[in-house]
Amino acid sequence: MKSYLIDEISKEGMGKIKDYLAKNALKSSLTEIFWVKVPDDLLSEKQFEHKACYPHVFAIELGQNWVKFEFYVRSLHNMRCTCPAYCTRSQQEFVINYANKMIESLQIRT
């Protein structure tokens, strides 16, 4: 899986990240996984056309001292559809910007 990884995060920093994601992302059934909606204007043509598959999201996974942002856009409603795919360039930039803004806003040193 292609992803953006930020590691060497303190225990305090990981707590801040988990709290932030609990307020600003969708929770999954796993405590270490969160979903972030990809804005409609960044969806590929196929993803945009598949309204029944909304929302389209990317995953964030938390580890002991790291956070991973996946470069894969999927549907939370239909895993067998043809619209999930690796990020386009603009989607990848969105994921990286989301990660960096979160780290900066929480004042986490890495």
PDB file of N, CA and C in Angstrom:
ATOM      1  N   MET A   1       0.843  -1.183   0.000  1.00  0.00           N
ATOM      2  CA  MET A   1       0.000   0.000   0.000  1.00  0.00           C
ATOM      3  C   MET A   1       0.886   1.242   0.000  1.00  0.00           C
ATOM      4  N   LYS A   2       0.596   2.171  -0.841  1.00  0.00           N
ATOM      5  CA  LYS A   2       1.294   3.449  -0.854  1.00  0.00           C
ATOM      6  C   LYS A   2       0.731   4.304   0.270  1.00  0.00           C
ATOM      7  N   SER A   3       1.631   4.984   0.990  1.00  0.00           N
ATOM      8  CA  SER A   3       1.162   5.791   2.113  1.00  0.00           C
ATOM      9  C   SER A   3       2.178   6.856   2.476  1.00  0.00           C
ATOM     10  N   TYR A   4       1.729   7.784   3.331  1.00  0.00           N
ATOM     11  CA  TYR A   4       2.559   8.855   3.887  1.00  0.00           C
ATOM     12  C   TYR A   4       2.688   8.550   5.371  1.00  0.00           C
ATOM     13  N   LEU A   5       3.908   8.349   5.845  1.00  0.00           N
ATOM     14  CA  LEU A   5       4.156   7.939   7.219  1.00  0.00           C
ATOM     15  C   LEU A   5       4.882   9.032   7.985  1.00  0.00           C
ATOM     16  N   ILE A   6       4.384   9.331   9.165  1.00  0.00           N
ATOM     17  CA  ILE A   6       5.071  10.241  10.082  1.00  0.00           C
ATOM     18  C   ILE A   6       5.359   9.422  11.327  1.00  0.00           C
ATOM     19  N   ASP A   7       6.648   9.317  11.688  1.00  0.00           N
ATOM     20  CA  ASP A   7       7.006   8.480  12.831  1.00  0.00           C
ATOM     21  C   ASP A   7       7.809   9.263  13.858  1.00  0.00           C
ATOM     22  N   GLU A   8       8.277   8.545  14.869  1.00  0.00           N
ATOM     23  CA  GLU A   8       9.023   9.126  15.982  1.00  0.00           C
ATOM     24  C   GLU A   8       8.202  10.207  16.701  1.00  0.00           C
ATOM     25  N   ILE A   9       6.927   9.902  16.912  1.00  0.00           N
ATOM     26  CA  ILE A   9       6.009  10.813  17.593  1.00  0.00           C
ATOM     27  C   ILE A   9       5.948  10.408  19.067  1.00  0.00           C
ATOM     28  N   SER A  10       6.001  11.394  19.938  1.00  0.00           N
ATOM     29  CA  SER A  10       5.946  11.121  21.377  1.00  0.00           C
ATOM     30  C   SER A  10       4.582  10.550  21.778  1.00  0.00           C
ATOM     31  N   LYS A  11       4.534   9.955  22.951  1.00  0.00           N
ATOM     32  CA  LYS A  11       3.280   9.425  23.478  1.00  0.00           C
ATOM     33  C   LYS A  11       2.250  10.546  23.624  1.00  0.00           C
ATOM     34  N   GLU A  12       2.698  11.700  24.097  1.00  0.00           N
ATOM     35  CA  GLU A  12       1.823  12.863  24.230  1.00  0.00           C
ATOM     36  C   GLU A  12       1.287  13.291  22.863  1.00  0.00           C
ATOM     37  N   GLY A  13       2.164  13.312  21.869  1.00  0.00           N
ATOM     38  CA  GLY A  13       1.761  13.680  20.517  1.00  0.00           C
ATOM     39  C   GLY A  13       0.741  12.712  19.937  1.00  0.00           C
ATOM     40  N   MET A  14       0.942  11.423  20.198  1.00  0.00           N
ATOM     41  CA  MET A  14      -0.015  10.427  19.709  1.00  0.00           C
ATOM     42  C   MET A  14      -1.380  10.629  20.363  1.00  0.00           C
ATOM     43  N   GLY A  15      -1.388  11.004  21.634  1.00  0.00           N
ATOM     44  CA  GLY A  15      -2.655  11.294  22.311  1.00  0.00           C
ATOM     45  C   GLY A  15      -3.373  12.467  21.673  1.00  0.00           C
ATOM     46  N   LYS A  16      -2.618  13.509  21.331  1.00  0.00           N
ATOM     47  CA  LYS A  16      -3.203  14.677  20.663  1.00  0.00           C
ATOM     48  C   LYS A  16      -3.793  14.289  19.303  1.00  0.00           C
ATOM     49  N   ILE A  17      -3.054  13.458  18.565  1.00  0.00           N
ATOM     50  CA  ILE A  17      -3.517  13.029  17.244  1.00  0.00           C
ATOM     51  C   ILE A  17      -4.807  12.225  17.369  1.00  0.00           C
ATOM     52  N   LYS A  18      -4.852  11.295  18.303  1.00  0.00           N
ATOM     53  CA  LYS A  18      -6.050  10.468  18.485  1.00  0.00           C
ATOM     54  C   LYS A  18      -7.256  11.338  18.853  1.00  0.00           C
ATOM     55  N   ASP A  19      -7.058  12.299  19.747  1.00  0.00           N
ATOM     56  CA  ASP A  19      -8.141  13.209  20.121  1.00  0.00           C
ATOM     57  C   ASP A  19      -8.597  14.035  18.917  1.00  0.00           C
ATOM     58  N   TYR A  20      -7.646  14.538  18.144  1.00  0.00           N
ATOM     59  CA  TYR A  20      -7.958  15.341  16.965  1.00  0.00           C
ATOM     60  C   TYR A  20      -8.798  14.534  15.973  1.00  0.00           C
ATOM     61  N   LEU A  21      -8.352  13.300  15.696  1.00  0.00           N
ATOM     62  CA  LEU A  21      -9.069  12.478  14.728  1.00  0.00           C
ATOM     63  C   LEU A  21     -10.446  12.069  15.246  1.00  0.00           C
ATOM     64  N   ALA A  22     -10.576  11.859  16.542  1.00  0.00           N
ATOM     65  CA  ALA A  22     -11.881  11.520  17.117  1.00  0.00           C
ATOM     66  C   ALA A  22     -12.891  12.648  16.877  1.00  0.00           C
ATOM     67  N   LYS A  23     -12.401  13.883  16.792  1.00  0.00           N
ATOM     68  CA  LYS A  23     -13.273  15.044  16.581  1.00  0.00           C
ATOM     69  C   LYS A  23     -13.422  15.423  15.110  1.00  0.00           C
ATOM     70  N   ASN A  24     -12.429  15.085  14.277  1.00  0.00           N
ATOM     71  CA  ASN A  24     -12.391  15.606  12.910  1.00  0.00           C
ATOM     72  C   ASN A  24     -12.405  14.557  11.809  1.00  0.00           C
ATOM     73  N   ALA A  25     -12.562  13.300  12.162  1.00  0.00           N
ATOM     74  CA  ALA A  25     -12.597  12.231  11.166  1.00  0.00           C
ATOM     75  C   ALA A  25     -13.700  11.250  11.537  1.00  0.00           C
ATOM     76  N   LEU A  26     -13.951  10.317  10.654  1.00  0.00           N
ATOM     77  CA  LEU A  26     -14.944   9.277  10.921  1.00  0.00           C
ATOM     78  C   LEU A  26     -14.259   8.119  11.631  1.00  0.00           C
ATOM     79  N   LYS A  27     -14.872   7.629  12.687  1.00  0.00           N
ATOM     80  CA  LYS A  27     -14.316   6.498  13.417  1.00  0.00           C
ATOM     81  C   LYS A  27     -14.659   5.204  12.680  1.00  0.00           C
ATOM     82  N   SER A  28     -13.735   4.265  12.718  1.00  0.00           N
ATOM     83  CA  SER A  28     -14.019   2.945  12.165  1.00  0.00           C
ATOM     84  C   SER A  28     -14.326   2.007  13.327  1.00  0.00           C
ATOM     85  N   SER A  29     -14.561   0.762  13.014  1.00  0.00           N
ATOM     86  CA  SER A  29     -14.817  -0.217  14.071  1.00  0.00           C
ATOM     87  C   SER A  29     -13.530  -0.602  14.795  1.00  0.00           C
ATOM     88  N   LEU A  30     -12.391  -0.234  14.239  1.00  0.00           N
ATOM     89  CA  LEU A  30     -11.086  -0.470  14.869  1.00  0.00           C
ATOM     90  C   LEU A  30     -10.593   0.836  15.486  1.00  0.00           C
ATOM     91  N   THR A  31     -10.119   0.799  16.709  1.00  0.00           N
ATOM     92  CA  THR A  31      -9.725   2.028  17.403  1.00  0.00           C
ATOM     93  C   THR A  31      -8.518   2.711  16.769  1.00  0.00           C
ATOM     94  N   GLU A  32      -7.730   1.986  15.993  1.00  0.00           N
ATOM     95  CA  GLU A  32      -6.529   2.570  15.388  1.00  0.00           C
ATOM     96  C   GLU A  32      -6.757   3.124  13.985  1.00  0.00           C
ATOM     97  N   ILE A  33      -7.967   2.993  13.462  1.00  0.00           N
ATOM     98  CA  ILE A  33      -8.256   3.403  12.085  1.00  0.00           C
ATOM     99  C   ILE A  33      -9.321   4.501  12.082  1.00  0.00           C
ATOM    100  N   PHE A  34      -9.043   5.540  11.288  1.00  0.00           N
ATOM    101  CA  PHE A  34      -9.990   6.627  11.068  1.00  0.00           C
ATOM    102  C   PHE A  34     -10.130   6.840   9.573  1.00  0.00           C
ATOM    103  N   TRP A  35     -11.256   7.429   9.176  1.00  0.00           N
ATOM    104  CA  TRP A  35     -11.539   7.742   7.767  1.00  0.00           C
ATOM    105  C   TRP A  35     -11.697   9.247   7.619  1.00  0.00           C
ATOM    106  N   VAL A  36     -11.165   9.778   6.525  1.00  0.00           N
ATOM    107  CA  VAL A  36     -11.337  11.196   6.201  1.00  0.00           C
ATOM    108  C   VAL A  36     -11.970  11.280   4.821  1.00  0.00           C
ATOM    109  N   LYS A  37     -13.046  12.064   4.725  1.00  0.00           N
ATOM    110  CA  LYS A  37     -13.736  12.234   3.452  1.00  0.00           C
ATOM    111  C   LYS A  37     -12.872  13.027   2.480  1.00  0.00           C
ATOM    112  N   VAL A  38     -12.870  12.578   1.240  1.00  0.00           N
ATOM    113  CA  VAL A  38     -12.193  13.298   0.168  1.00  0.00           C
ATOM    114  C   VAL A  38     -13.224  14.259  -0.429  1.00  0.00           C
ATOM    115  N   PRO A  39     -12.887  15.547  -0.555  1.00  0.00           N
ATOM    116  CA  PRO A  39     -13.844  16.511  -1.118  1.00  0.00           C
ATOM    117  C   PRO A  39     -14.310  16.096  -2.517  1.00  0.00           C
ATOM    118  N   ASP A  40     -15.575  16.360  -2.800  1.00  0.00           N
ATOM    119  CA  ASP A  40     -16.162  15.982  -4.088  1.00  0.00           C
ATOM    120  C   ASP A  40     -15.364  16.514  -5.275  1.00  0.00           C
ATOM    121  N   ASP A  41     -14.839  17.725  -5.158  1.00  0.00           N
ATOM    122  CA  ASP A  41     -14.135  18.319  -6.294  1.00  0.00           C
ATOM    123  C   ASP A  41     -12.773  17.654  -6.551  1.00  0.00           C
ATOM    124  N   LEU A  42     -12.340  16.765  -5.666  1.00  0.00           N
ATOM    125  CA  LEU A  42     -11.086  16.040  -5.873  1.00  0.00           C
ATOM    126  C   LEU A  42     -11.302  14.592  -6.308  1.00  0.00           C
ATOM    127  N   LEU A  43     -12.553  14.155  -6.354  1.00  0.00           N
ATOM    128  CA  LEU A  43     -12.827  12.780  -6.765  1.00  0.00           C
ATOM    129  C   LEU A  43     -12.530  12.583  -8.240  1.00  0.00           C
ATOM    130  N   SER A  44     -12.130  11.373  -8.598  1.00  0.00           N
ATOM    131  CA  SER A  44     -11.959  11.055 -10.017  1.00  0.00           C
ATOM    132  C   SER A  44     -13.340  11.078 -10.673  1.00  0.00           C
ATOM    133  N   GLU A  45     -13.365  11.076 -11.974  1.00  0.00           N
ATOM    134  CA  GLU A  45     -14.643  11.108 -12.687  1.00  0.00           C
ATOM    135  C   GLU A  45     -15.517   9.913 -12.284  1.00  0.00           C
ATOM    136  N   LYS A  46     -14.917   8.733 -12.218  1.00  0.00           N
ATOM    137  CA  LYS A  46     -15.672   7.533 -11.851  1.00  0.00           C
ATOM    138  C   LYS A  46     -16.189   7.633 -10.415  1.00  0.00           C
ATOM    139  N   GLN A  47     -15.349   8.081  -9.499  1.00  0.00           N
ATOM    140  CA  GLN A  47     -15.767   8.212  -8.099  1.00  0.00           C
ATOM    141  C   GLN A  47     -16.901   9.220  -7.972  1.00  0.00           C
ATOM    142  N   PHE A  48     -16.794  10.335  -8.677  1.00  0.00           N
ATOM    143  CA  PHE A  48     -17.820  11.366  -8.615  1.00  0.00           C
ATOM    144  C   PHE A  48     -19.159  10.845  -9.137  1.00  0.00           C
ATOM    145  N   GLU A  49     -19.125  10.041 -10.182  1.00  0.00           N
ATOM    146  CA  GLU A  49     -20.346   9.498 -10.775  1.00  0.00           C
ATOM    147  C   GLU A  49     -21.011   8.450  -9.884  1.00  0.00           C
ATOM    148  N   HIS A  50     -20.248   7.812  -9.000  1.00  0.00           N
ATOM    149  CA  HIS A  50     -20.770   6.730  -8.160  1.00  0.00           C
ATOM    150  C   HIS A  50     -21.335   7.286  -6.853  1.00  0.00           C
ATOM    151  N   LYS A  51     -22.447   7.992  -6.949  1.00  0.00           N
ATOM    152  CA  LYS A  51     -23.079   8.629  -5.782  1.00  0.00           C
ATOM    153  C   LYS A  51     -23.486   7.597  -4.724  1.00  0.00           C
ATOM    154  N   ALA A  52     -23.857   6.401  -5.128  1.00  0.00           N
ATOM    155  CA  ALA A  52     -24.263   5.361  -4.180  1.00  0.00           C
ATOM    156  C   ALA A  52     -23.088   4.875  -3.332  1.00  0.00           C
ATOM    157  N   CYS A  53     -21.878   5.169  -3.762  1.00  0.00           N
ATOM    158  CA  CYS A  53     -20.679   4.734  -3.031  1.00  0.00           C
ATOM    159  C   CYS A  53     -20.179   5.786  -2.037  1.00  0.00           C
ATOM    160  N   TYR A  54     -20.799   6.957  -2.016  1.00  0.00           N
ATOM    161  CA  TYR A  54     -20.359   8.028  -1.109  1.00  0.00           C
ATOM    162  C   TYR A  54     -20.486   7.584   0.335  1.00  0.00           C
ATOM    163  N   PRO A  55     -19.674   8.041   1.244  1.00  0.00           N
ATOM    164  CA  PRO A  55     -18.553   8.949   0.988  1.00  0.00           C
ATOM    165  C   PRO A  55     -17.316   8.184   0.534  1.00  0.00           C
ATOM    166  N   HIS A  56     -16.495   8.869  -0.233  1.00  0.00           N
ATOM    167  CA  HIS A  56     -15.188   8.343  -0.599  1.00  0.00           C
ATOM    168  C   HIS A  56     -14.190   8.879   0.408  1.00  0.00           C
ATOM    169  N   VAL A  57     -13.338   8.005   0.926  1.00  0.00           N
ATOM    170  CA  VAL A  57     -12.473   8.349   2.052  1.00  0.00           C
ATOM    171  C   VAL A  57     -11.062   7.802   1.851  1.00  0.00           C
ATOM    172  N   PHE A  58     -10.128   8.335   2.657  1.00  0.00           N
ATOM    173  CA  PHE A  58      -8.823   7.695   2.789  1.00  0.00           C
ATOM    174  C   PHE A  58      -8.664   7.318   4.259  1.00  0.00           C
ATOM    175  N   ALA A  59      -7.808   6.345   4.515  1.00  0.00           N
ATOM    176  CA  ALA A  59      -7.636   5.822   5.866  1.00  0.00           C
ATOM    177  C   ALA A  59      -6.430   6.441   6.556  1.00  0.00           C
ATOM    178  N   ILE A  60      -6.570   6.603   7.870  1.00  0.00           N
ATOM    179  CA  ILE A  60      -5.460   6.997   8.730  1.00  0.00           C
ATOM    180  C   ILE A  60      -5.329   5.906   9.782  1.00  0.00           C
ATOM    181  N   GLU A  61      -4.126   5.367   9.900  1.00  0.00           N
ATOM    182  CA  GLU A  61      -3.865   4.313  10.878  1.00  0.00           C
ATOM    183  C   GLU A  61      -2.881   4.817  11.922  1.00  0.00           C
ATOM    184  N   LEU A  62      -3.193   4.559  13.191  1.00  0.00           N
ATOM    185  CA  LEU A  62      -2.326   4.968  14.293  1.00  0.00           C
ATOM    186  C   LEU A  62      -1.549   3.775  14.829  1.00  0.00           C
ATOM    187  N   GLY A  63      -0.261   3.986  15.060  1.00  0.00           N
ATOM    188  CA  GLY A  63       0.580   2.984  15.698  1.00  0.00           C
ATOM    189  C   GLY A  63       1.045   3.501  17.044  1.00  0.00           C
ATOM    190  N   GLN A  64       2.023   2.835  17.619  1.00  0.00           N
ATOM    191  CA  GLN A  64       2.509   3.233  18.942  1.00  0.00           C
ATOM    192  C   GLN A  64       3.148   4.618  18.919  1.00  0.00           C
ATOM    193  N   ASN A  65       3.963   4.899  17.885  1.00  0.00           N
ATOM    194  CA  ASN A  65       4.620   6.204  17.779  1.00  0.00           C
ATOM    195  C   ASN A  65       4.635   6.721  16.339  1.00  0.00           C
ATOM    196  N   TRP A  66       3.642   6.323  15.570  1.00  0.00           N
ATOM    197  CA  TRP A  66       3.561   6.735  14.167  1.00  0.00           C
ATOM    198  C   TRP A  66       2.103   6.867  13.722  1.00  0.00           C
ATOM    199  N   VAL A  67       1.933   7.596  12.641  1.00  0.00           N
ATOM    200  CA  VAL A  67       0.625   7.733  12.003  1.00  0.00           C
ATOM    201  C   VAL A  67       0.834   7.576  10.499  1.00  0.00           C
ATOM    202  N   LYS A  68      -0.030   6.771   9.882  1.00  0.00           N
ATOM    203  CA  LYS A  68       0.087   6.470   8.456  1.00  0.00           C
ATOM    204  C   LYS A  68      -1.171   6.933   7.731  1.00  0.00           C
ATOM    205  N   PHE A  69      -0.974   7.651   6.644  1.00  0.00           N
ATOM    206  CA  PHE A  69      -2.047   8.188   5.816  1.00  0.00           C
ATOM    207  C   PHE A  69      -1.999   7.446   4.479  1.00  0.00           C
ATOM    208  N   GLU A  70      -3.017   6.646   4.201  1.00  0.00           N
ATOM    209  CA  GLU A  70      -3.000   5.837   2.987  1.00  0.00           C
ATOM    210  C   GLU A  70      -3.327   6.659   1.745  1.00  0.00           C
ATOM    211  N   PHE A  71      -2.628   6.343   0.662  1.00  0.00           N
ATOM    212  CA  PHE A  71      -2.883   6.960  -0.636  1.00  0.00           C
ATOM    213  C   PHE A  71      -3.833   6.079  -1.445  1.00  0.00           C
ATOM    214  N   TYR A  72      -4.958   5.757  -0.835  1.00  0.00           N
ATOM    215  CA  TYR A  72      -5.963   4.927  -1.503  1.00  0.00           C
ATOM    216  C   TYR A  72      -7.336   5.483  -1.142  1.00  0.00           C
ATOM    217  N   VAL A  73      -8.142   5.760  -2.139  1.00  0.00           N
ATOM    218  CA  VAL A  73      -9.485   6.301  -1.928  1.00  0.00           C
ATOM    219  C   VAL A  73     -10.479   5.159  -2.118  1.00  0.00           C
ATOM    220  N   ARG A  74     -11.312   4.980  -1.097  1.00  0.00           N
ATOM    221  CA  ARG A  74     -12.271   3.872  -1.110  1.00  0.00           C
ATOM    222  C   ARG A  74     -13.654   4.371  -0.725  1.00  0.00           C
ATOM    223  N   SER A  75     -14.620   3.503  -0.932  1.00  0.00           N
ATOM    224  CA  SER A  75     -15.998   3.760  -0.527  1.00  0.00           C
ATOM    225  C   SER A  75     -16.253   3.066   0.805  1.00  0.00           C
ATOM    226  N   LEU A  76     -17.002   3.713   1.679  1.00  0.00           N
ATOM    227  CA  LEU A  76     -17.377   3.060   2.928  1.00  0.00           C
ATOM    228  C   LEU A  76     -18.625   2.200   2.757  1.00  0.00           C
ATOM    229  N   HIS A  77     -19.282   2.283   1.595  1.00  0.00           N
ATOM    230  CA  HIS A  77     -20.536   1.565   1.401  1.00  0.00           C
ATOM    231  C   HIS A  77     -20.441   0.391   0.443  1.00  0.00           C
ATOM    232  N   ASN A  78     -19.498   0.414  -0.478  1.00  0.00           N
ATOM    233  CA  ASN A  78     -19.436  -0.634  -1.490  1.00  0.00           C
ATOM    234  C   ASN A  78     -17.986  -0.982  -1.791  1.00  0.00           C
ATOM    235  N   MET A  79     -17.469  -1.988  -1.099  1.00  0.00           N
ATOM    236  CA  MET A  79     -16.059  -2.369  -1.276  1.00  0.00           C
ATOM    237  C   MET A  79     -15.801  -3.115  -2.585  1.00  0.00           C
ATOM    238  N   ARG A  80     -16.842  -3.591  -3.231  1.00  0.00           N
ATOM    239  CA  ARG A  80     -16.663  -4.381  -4.455  1.00  0.00           C
ATOM    240  C   ARG A  80     -16.852  -3.560  -5.729  1.00  0.00           C
ATOM    241  N   CYS A  81     -17.013  -2.279  -5.583  1.00  0.00           N
ATOM    242  CA  CYS A  81     -17.221  -1.415  -6.743  1.00  0.00           C
ATOM    243  C   CYS A  81     -15.897  -1.195  -7.478  1.00  0.00           C
ATOM    244  N   THR A  82     -15.988  -0.623  -8.651  1.00  0.00           N
ATOM    245  CA  THR A  82     -14.797  -0.319  -9.445  1.00  0.00           C
ATOM    246  C   THR A  82     -14.241   1.074  -9.171  1.00  0.00           C
ATOM    247  N   CYS A  83     -14.905   1.861  -8.304  1.00  0.00           N
ATOM    248  CA  CYS A  83     -14.452   3.236  -8.090  1.00  0.00           C
ATOM    249  C   CYS A  83     -13.299   3.392  -7.092  1.00  0.00           C
ATOM    250  N   PRO A  84     -13.070   2.497  -6.119  1.00  0.00           N
ATOM    251  CA  PRO A  84     -11.889   2.657  -5.266  1.00  0.00           C
ATOM    252  C   PRO A  84     -10.612   2.561  -6.105  1.00  0.00           C
ATOM    253  N   ALA A  85      -9.629   3.403  -5.743  1.00  0.00           N
ATOM    254  CA  ALA A  85      -8.390   3.435  -6.522  1.00  0.00           C
ATOM    255  C   ALA A  85      -7.299   4.163  -5.747  1.00  0.00           C
ATOM    256  N   TYR A  86      -6.056   3.957  -6.178  1.00  0.00           N
ATOM    257  CA  TYR A  86      -4.976   4.758  -5.618  1.00  0.00           C
ATOM    258  C   TYR A  86      -5.239   6.226  -5.923  1.00  0.00           C
ATOM    259  N   CYS A  87      -4.736   7.079  -5.081  1.00  0.00           N
ATOM    260  CA  CYS A  87      -4.957   8.522  -5.206  1.00  0.00           C
ATOM    261  C   CYS A  87      -4.466   9.075  -6.536  1.00  0.00           C
ATOM    262  N   THR A  88      -5.236  10.008  -7.055  1.00  0.00           N
ATOM    263  CA  THR A  88      -4.754  10.830  -8.153  1.00  0.00           C
ATOM    264  C   THR A  88      -3.727  11.803  -7.556  1.00  0.00           C
ATOM    265  N   ARG A  89      -3.051  12.559  -8.370  1.00  0.00           N
ATOM    266  CA  ARG A  89      -2.071  13.529  -7.874  1.00  0.00           C
ATOM    267  C   ARG A  89      -2.732  14.537  -6.927  1.00  0.00           C
ATOM    268  N   SER A  90      -3.894  15.055  -7.304  1.00  0.00           N
ATOM    269  CA  SER A  90      -4.554  16.050  -6.447  1.00  0.00           C
ATOM    270  C   SER A  90      -5.051  15.421  -5.145  1.00  0.00           C
ATOM    271  N   GLN A  91      -5.510  14.191  -5.189  1.00  0.00           N
ATOM    272  CA  GLN A  91      -5.926  13.504  -3.964  1.00  0.00           C
ATOM    273  C   GLN A  91      -4.725  13.253  -3.051  1.00  0.00           C
ATOM    274  N   GLN A  92      -3.604  12.870  -3.644  1.00  0.00           N
ATOM    275  CA  GLN A  92      -2.387  12.638  -2.866  1.00  0.00           C
ATOM    276  C   GLN A  92      -1.938  13.926  -2.179  1.00  0.00           C
ATOM    277  N   GLU A  93      -1.997  15.040  -2.880  1.00  0.00           N
ATOM    278  CA  GLU A  93      -1.650  16.329  -2.288  1.00  0.00           C
ATOM    279  C   GLU A  93      -2.602  16.668  -1.142  1.00  0.00           C
ATOM    280  N   PHE A  94      -3.881  16.342  -1.280  1.00  0.00           N
ATOM    281  CA  PHE A  94      -4.859  16.571  -0.220  1.00  0.00           C
ATOM    282  C   PHE A  94      -4.490  15.774   1.036  1.00  0.00           C
ATOM    283  N   VAL A  95      -4.130  14.513   0.855  1.00  0.00           N
ATOM    284  CA  VAL A  95      -3.762  13.652   1.986  1.00  0.00           C
ATOM    285  C   VAL A  95      -2.531  14.213   2.699  1.00  0.00           C
ATOM    286  N   ILE A  96      -1.504  14.576   1.938  1.00  0.00           N
ATOM    287  CA  ILE A  96      -0.270  15.111   2.522  1.00  0.00           C
ATOM    288  C   ILE A  96      -0.546  16.428   3.242  1.00  0.00           C
ATOM    289  N   ASN A  97      -1.323  17.305   2.621  1.00  0.00           N
ATOM    290  CA  ASN A  97      -1.664  18.584   3.259  1.00  0.00           C
ATOM    291  C   ASN A  97      -2.470  18.367   4.532  1.00  0.00           C
ATOM    292  N   TYR A  98      -3.394  17.417   4.511  1.00  0.00           N
ATOM    293  CA  TYR A  98      -4.181  17.107   5.711  1.00  0.00           C
ATOM    294  C   TYR A  98      -3.237  16.677   6.838  1.00  0.00           C
ATOM    295  N   ALA A  99      -2.323  15.796   6.526  1.00  0.00           N
ATOM    296  CA  ALA A  99      -1.371  15.287   7.526  1.00  0.00           C
ATOM    297  C   ALA A  99      -0.509  16.416   8.083  1.00  0.00           C
ATOM    298  N   ASN A 100       0.070  17.197   7.207  1.00  0.00           N
ATOM    299  CA  ASN A 100       0.974  18.261   7.649  1.00  0.00           C
ATOM    300  C   ASN A 100       0.248  19.346   8.441  1.00  0.00           C
ATOM    301  N   LYS A 101      -0.948  19.719   8.016  1.00  0.00           N
ATOM    302  CA  LYS A 101      -1.723  20.729   8.754  1.00  0.00           C
ATOM    303  C   LYS A 101      -2.106  20.220  10.140  1.00  0.00           C
ATOM    304  N   MET A 102      -2.454  18.931  10.220  1.00  0.00           N
ATOM    305  CA  MET A 102      -2.805  18.363  11.517  1.00  0.00           C
ATOM    306  C   MET A 102      -1.606  18.418  12.462  1.00  0.00           C
ATOM    307  N   ILE A 103      -0.448  17.981  11.990  1.00  0.00           N
ATOM    308  CA  ILE A 103       0.762  17.970  12.811  1.00  0.00           C
ATOM    309  C   ILE A 103       1.121  19.395  13.248  1.00  0.00           C
ATOM    310  N   GLU A 104       1.047  20.353  12.317  1.00  0.00           N
ATOM    311  CA  GLU A 104       1.360  21.747  12.637  1.00  0.00           C
ATOM    312  C   GLU A 104       0.358  22.326  13.628  1.00  0.00           C
ATOM    313  N   SER A 105      -0.934  22.090  13.425  1.00  0.00           N
ATOM    314  CA  SER A 105      -1.938  22.673  14.310  1.00  0.00           C
ATOM    315  C   SER A 105      -1.848  22.101  15.732  1.00  0.00           C
ATOM    316  N   LEU A 106      -1.398  20.858  15.852  1.00  0.00           N
ATOM    317  CA  LEU A 106      -1.244  20.240  17.177  1.00  0.00           C
ATOM    318  C   LEU A 106       0.123  20.518  17.794  1.00  0.00           C
ATOM    319  N   GLN A 107       0.986  21.214  17.030  1.00  0.00           N
ATOM    320  CA  GLN A 107       2.341  21.563  17.478  1.00  0.00           C
ATOM    321  C   GLN A 107       3.121  20.323  17.926  1.00  0.00           C
ATOM    322  N   ILE A 108       3.101  19.317  17.065  1.00  0.00           N
ATOM    323  CA  ILE A 108       3.806  18.066  17.339  1.00  0.00           C
ATOM    324  C   ILE A 108       5.161  18.115  16.656  1.00  0.00           C
ATOM    325  N   ARG A 109       6.193  17.789  17.430  1.00  0.00           N
ATOM    326  CA  ARG A 109       7.553  17.717  16.877  1.00  0.00           C
ATOM    327  C   ARG A 109       7.797  16.308  16.384  1.00  0.00           C
ATOM    328  N   THR A 110       8.371  16.202  15.187  1.00  0.00           N
ATOM    329  CA  THR A 110       8.704  14.888  14.637  1.00  0.00           C
ATOM    330  C   THR A 110      10.166  14.841  14.255  1.00  0.00           C
TER     331      THR A 110
END
